[in-house]
Amino acid sequence: MNRYKVRAVIELIRQRGHLPMDDFGNLLSPDEIMDRLALKDVLTPGECLAVRWELVAIMEAQQAIDHIKANMS
């Protein structure tokens, strides 16, 4: 597994400023993000698993931040 490639993919996704969303403004699932970006075409199965875990962690952090922001106002 190429950890550098995994980091580069995650950084590219994070540079957008937000995770991809559906037409209704809901975050896509990690698998939907990976499908939309066709990551399985360029990553090994182990790298796909590592990216998926990173996406789950990013999503959980984003949901926590959104919750905190909603309760601060």
N, C-alpha and C. Protein backbone atom coordinates (compact mmCIF):
# COMPACT_ATOMS: atom_id res chain seq x y z
N MET A 1 0.85 -1.18 0.00
CA MET A 1 0.00 0.00 0.00
C MET A 1 0.90 1.24 0.00
N ASN A 2 0.52 2.19 -0.83
CA ASN A 2 1.27 3.44 -0.95
C ASN A 2 0.59 4.50 -0.09
N ARG A 3 1.14 4.72 1.11
CA ARG A 3 0.56 5.70 2.04
C ARG A 3 0.61 7.11 1.47
N TYR A 4 1.64 7.40 0.66
CA TYR A 4 1.75 8.73 0.05
C TYR A 4 0.56 8.97 -0.89
N LYS A 5 0.21 7.95 -1.68
CA LYS A 5 -0.92 8.09 -2.60
C LYS A 5 -2.22 8.30 -1.82
N VAL A 6 -2.40 7.57 -0.73
CA VAL A 6 -3.59 7.73 0.10
C VAL A 6 -3.65 9.16 0.64
N ARG A 7 -2.54 9.67 1.19
CA ARG A 7 -2.50 11.03 1.72
C ARG A 7 -2.81 12.06 0.63
N ALA A 8 -2.25 11.84 -0.55
CA ALA A 8 -2.46 12.79 -1.65
C ALA A 8 -3.93 12.83 -2.06
N VAL A 9 -4.58 11.67 -2.12
CA VAL A 9 -6.01 11.62 -2.48
C VAL A 9 -6.84 12.33 -1.41
N ILE A 10 -6.57 12.07 -0.15
CA ILE A 10 -7.32 12.71 0.93
C ILE A 10 -7.10 14.22 0.90
N GLU A 11 -5.88 14.67 0.70
CA GLU A 11 -5.61 16.10 0.64
C GLU A 11 -6.32 16.76 -0.54
N LEU A 12 -6.38 16.09 -1.67
CA LEU A 12 -7.09 16.62 -2.83
C LEU A 12 -8.58 16.81 -2.51
N ILE A 13 -9.16 15.82 -1.86
CA ILE A 13 -10.57 15.90 -1.46
C ILE A 13 -10.76 17.04 -0.46
N ARG A 14 -9.88 17.16 0.51
CA ARG A 14 -10.00 18.19 1.55
C ARG A 14 -9.79 19.60 1.01
N GLN A 15 -8.99 19.74 -0.04
CA GLN A 15 -8.72 21.06 -0.61
C GLN A 15 -9.98 21.71 -1.18
N ARG A 16 -10.98 20.91 -1.49
CA ARG A 16 -12.23 21.46 -2.00
C ARG A 16 -12.96 22.28 -0.95
N GLY A 17 -12.62 22.08 0.32
CA GLY A 17 -13.24 22.84 1.40
C GLY A 17 -14.43 22.14 2.02
N HIS A 18 -14.98 21.16 1.34
CA HIS A 18 -16.11 20.40 1.88
C HIS A 18 -16.15 19.05 1.16
N LEU A 19 -16.78 18.11 1.78
CA LEU A 19 -16.95 16.80 1.14
C LEU A 19 -18.06 16.89 0.10
N PRO A 20 -18.02 16.04 -0.92
CA PRO A 20 -19.07 16.05 -1.93
C PRO A 20 -20.45 15.78 -1.33
N MET A 21 -21.46 16.46 -1.89
CA MET A 21 -22.83 16.33 -1.42
C MET A 21 -23.75 15.93 -2.56
N ASP A 22 -24.92 15.41 -2.18
CA ASP A 22 -25.93 15.08 -3.19
C ASP A 22 -26.71 16.33 -3.56
N ASP A 23 -27.71 16.18 -4.40
CA ASP A 23 -28.51 17.31 -4.88
C ASP A 23 -29.32 17.98 -3.77
N PHE A 24 -29.47 17.30 -2.63
CA PHE A 24 -30.26 17.83 -1.52
C PHE A 24 -29.39 18.42 -0.42
N GLY A 25 -28.07 18.47 -0.64
CA GLY A 25 -27.16 19.04 0.34
C GLY A 25 -26.70 18.08 1.42
N ASN A 26 -26.97 16.81 1.24
CA ASN A 26 -26.54 15.80 2.21
C ASN A 26 -25.17 15.26 1.80
N LEU A 27 -24.32 15.02 2.80
CA LEU A 27 -23.02 14.43 2.51
C LEU A 27 -23.19 13.06 1.86
N LEU A 28 -22.38 12.81 0.85
CA LEU A 28 -22.36 11.47 0.26
C LEU A 28 -21.67 10.52 1.23
N SER A 29 -22.00 9.26 1.14
CA SER A 29 -21.32 8.26 1.96
C SER A 29 -19.89 8.07 1.43
N PRO A 30 -19.01 7.52 2.25
CA PRO A 30 -17.65 7.27 1.76
C PRO A 30 -17.62 6.44 0.48
N ASP A 31 -18.48 5.43 0.39
CA ASP A 31 -18.51 4.60 -0.81
C ASP A 31 -19.01 5.39 -2.02
N GLU A 32 -19.99 6.27 -1.82
CA GLU A 32 -20.48 7.10 -2.91
C GLU A 32 -19.41 8.08 -3.38
N ILE A 33 -18.65 8.63 -2.45
CA ILE A 33 -17.55 9.53 -2.81
C ILE A 33 -16.52 8.78 -3.62
N MET A 34 -16.18 7.60 -3.16
CA MET A 34 -15.17 6.81 -3.87
C MET A 34 -15.65 6.43 -5.26
N ASP A 35 -16.94 6.10 -5.39
CA ASP A 35 -17.49 5.78 -6.71
C ASP A 35 -17.51 7.00 -7.61
N ARG A 36 -17.93 8.13 -7.07
CA ARG A 36 -18.01 9.36 -7.87
C ARG A 36 -16.64 9.77 -8.40
N LEU A 37 -15.61 9.57 -7.58
CA LEU A 37 -14.26 9.95 -7.99
C LEU A 37 -13.51 8.81 -8.69
N ALA A 38 -14.18 7.67 -8.86
CA ALA A 38 -13.60 6.49 -9.53
C ALA A 38 -12.26 6.09 -8.90
N LEU A 39 -12.22 6.13 -7.57
CA LEU A 39 -10.97 5.82 -6.89
C LEU A 39 -10.55 4.36 -7.03
N LYS A 40 -11.51 3.48 -7.22
CA LYS A 40 -11.17 2.06 -7.35
C LYS A 40 -10.39 1.79 -8.64
N ASP A 41 -10.42 2.76 -9.56
CA ASP A 41 -9.66 2.62 -10.81
C ASP A 41 -8.18 2.94 -10.61
N VAL A 42 -7.85 3.68 -9.55
CA VAL A 42 -6.46 4.12 -9.38
C VAL A 42 -5.83 3.67 -8.06
N LEU A 43 -6.63 3.09 -7.17
CA LEU A 43 -6.11 2.64 -5.88
C LEU A 43 -6.22 1.12 -5.76
N THR A 44 -5.31 0.55 -4.99
CA THR A 44 -5.39 -0.87 -4.68
C THR A 44 -6.51 -1.08 -3.66
N PRO A 45 -6.95 -2.32 -3.46
CA PRO A 45 -7.98 -2.56 -2.43
C PRO A 45 -7.56 -2.06 -1.04
N GLY A 46 -6.31 -2.24 -0.67
CA GLY A 46 -5.83 -1.75 0.62
C GLY A 46 -5.86 -0.23 0.71
N GLU A 47 -5.49 0.43 -0.38
CA GLU A 47 -5.53 1.89 -0.41
C GLU A 47 -6.97 2.38 -0.36
N CYS A 48 -7.88 1.68 -1.04
CA CYS A 48 -9.30 2.05 -0.99
C CYS A 48 -9.82 1.96 0.44
N LEU A 49 -9.44 0.94 1.14
CA LEU A 49 -9.87 0.78 2.53
C LEU A 49 -9.33 1.92 3.40
N ALA A 50 -8.06 2.26 3.20
CA ALA A 50 -7.46 3.35 3.97
C ALA A 50 -8.15 4.68 3.67
N VAL A 51 -8.45 4.95 2.39
CA VAL A 51 -9.14 6.19 2.02
C VAL A 51 -10.53 6.20 2.62
N ARG A 52 -11.21 5.07 2.58
CA ARG A 52 -12.56 4.99 3.15
C ARG A 52 -12.55 5.33 4.64
N TRP A 53 -11.60 4.77 5.39
CA TRP A 53 -11.50 5.06 6.83
C TRP A 53 -11.22 6.54 7.06
N GLU A 54 -10.37 7.14 6.23
CA GLU A 54 -10.08 8.58 6.35
C GLU A 54 -11.33 9.39 6.08
N LEU A 55 -12.10 9.01 5.06
CA LEU A 55 -13.34 9.73 4.76
C LEU A 55 -14.34 9.63 5.90
N VAL A 56 -14.44 8.48 6.52
CA VAL A 56 -15.33 8.31 7.67
C VAL A 56 -14.91 9.25 8.80
N ALA A 57 -13.61 9.33 9.06
CA ALA A 57 -13.11 10.20 10.13
C ALA A 57 -13.39 11.66 9.80
N ILE A 58 -13.19 12.07 8.55
CA ILE A 58 -13.46 13.45 8.14
C ILE A 58 -14.94 13.76 8.29
N MET A 59 -15.79 12.83 7.90
CA MET A 59 -17.23 13.03 7.99
C MET A 59 -17.66 13.18 9.46
N GLU A 60 -17.14 12.35 10.33
CA GLU A 60 -17.49 12.44 11.74
C GLU A 60 -17.04 13.78 12.32
N ALA A 61 -15.86 14.22 11.95
CA ALA A 61 -15.37 15.51 12.43
C ALA A 61 -16.24 16.64 11.91
N GLN A 62 -16.62 16.59 10.63
CA GLN A 62 -17.45 17.64 10.05
C GLN A 62 -18.82 17.68 10.72
N GLN A 63 -19.39 16.52 10.99
CA GLN A 63 -20.69 16.48 11.66
C GLN A 63 -20.60 17.06 13.07
N ALA A 64 -19.50 16.78 13.77
CA ALA A 64 -19.31 17.33 15.11
C ALA A 64 -19.17 18.85 15.05
N ILE A 65 -18.41 19.35 14.10
CA ILE A 65 -18.24 20.80 13.94
C ILE A 65 -19.57 21.46 13.61
N ASP A 66 -20.32 20.86 12.70
CA ASP A 66 -21.62 21.42 12.33
C ASP A 66 -22.56 21.46 13.53
N HIS A 67 -22.54 20.43 14.35
CA HIS A 67 -23.37 20.37 15.55
C HIS A 67 -22.98 21.47 16.54
N ILE A 68 -21.68 21.62 16.74
CA ILE A 68 -21.19 22.66 17.67
C ILE A 68 -21.56 24.04 17.17
N LYS A 69 -21.36 24.28 15.88
CA LYS A 69 -21.71 25.60 15.30
C LYS A 69 -23.20 25.89 15.46
N ALA A 70 -24.04 24.89 15.28
CA ALA A 70 -25.49 25.08 15.40
C ALA A 70 -25.88 25.43 16.83
N ASN A 71 -25.16 24.91 17.78
CA ASN A 71 -25.46 25.17 19.19
C ASN A 71 -24.79 26.41 19.75
N MET A 72 -23.93 27.04 18.97
CA MET A 72 -23.24 28.24 19.43
C MET A 72 -24.08 29.50 19.17
N SER A 73 -25.05 29.40 18.28
CA SER A 73 -25.81 30.61 17.94
C SER A 73 -27.05 30.80 18.77
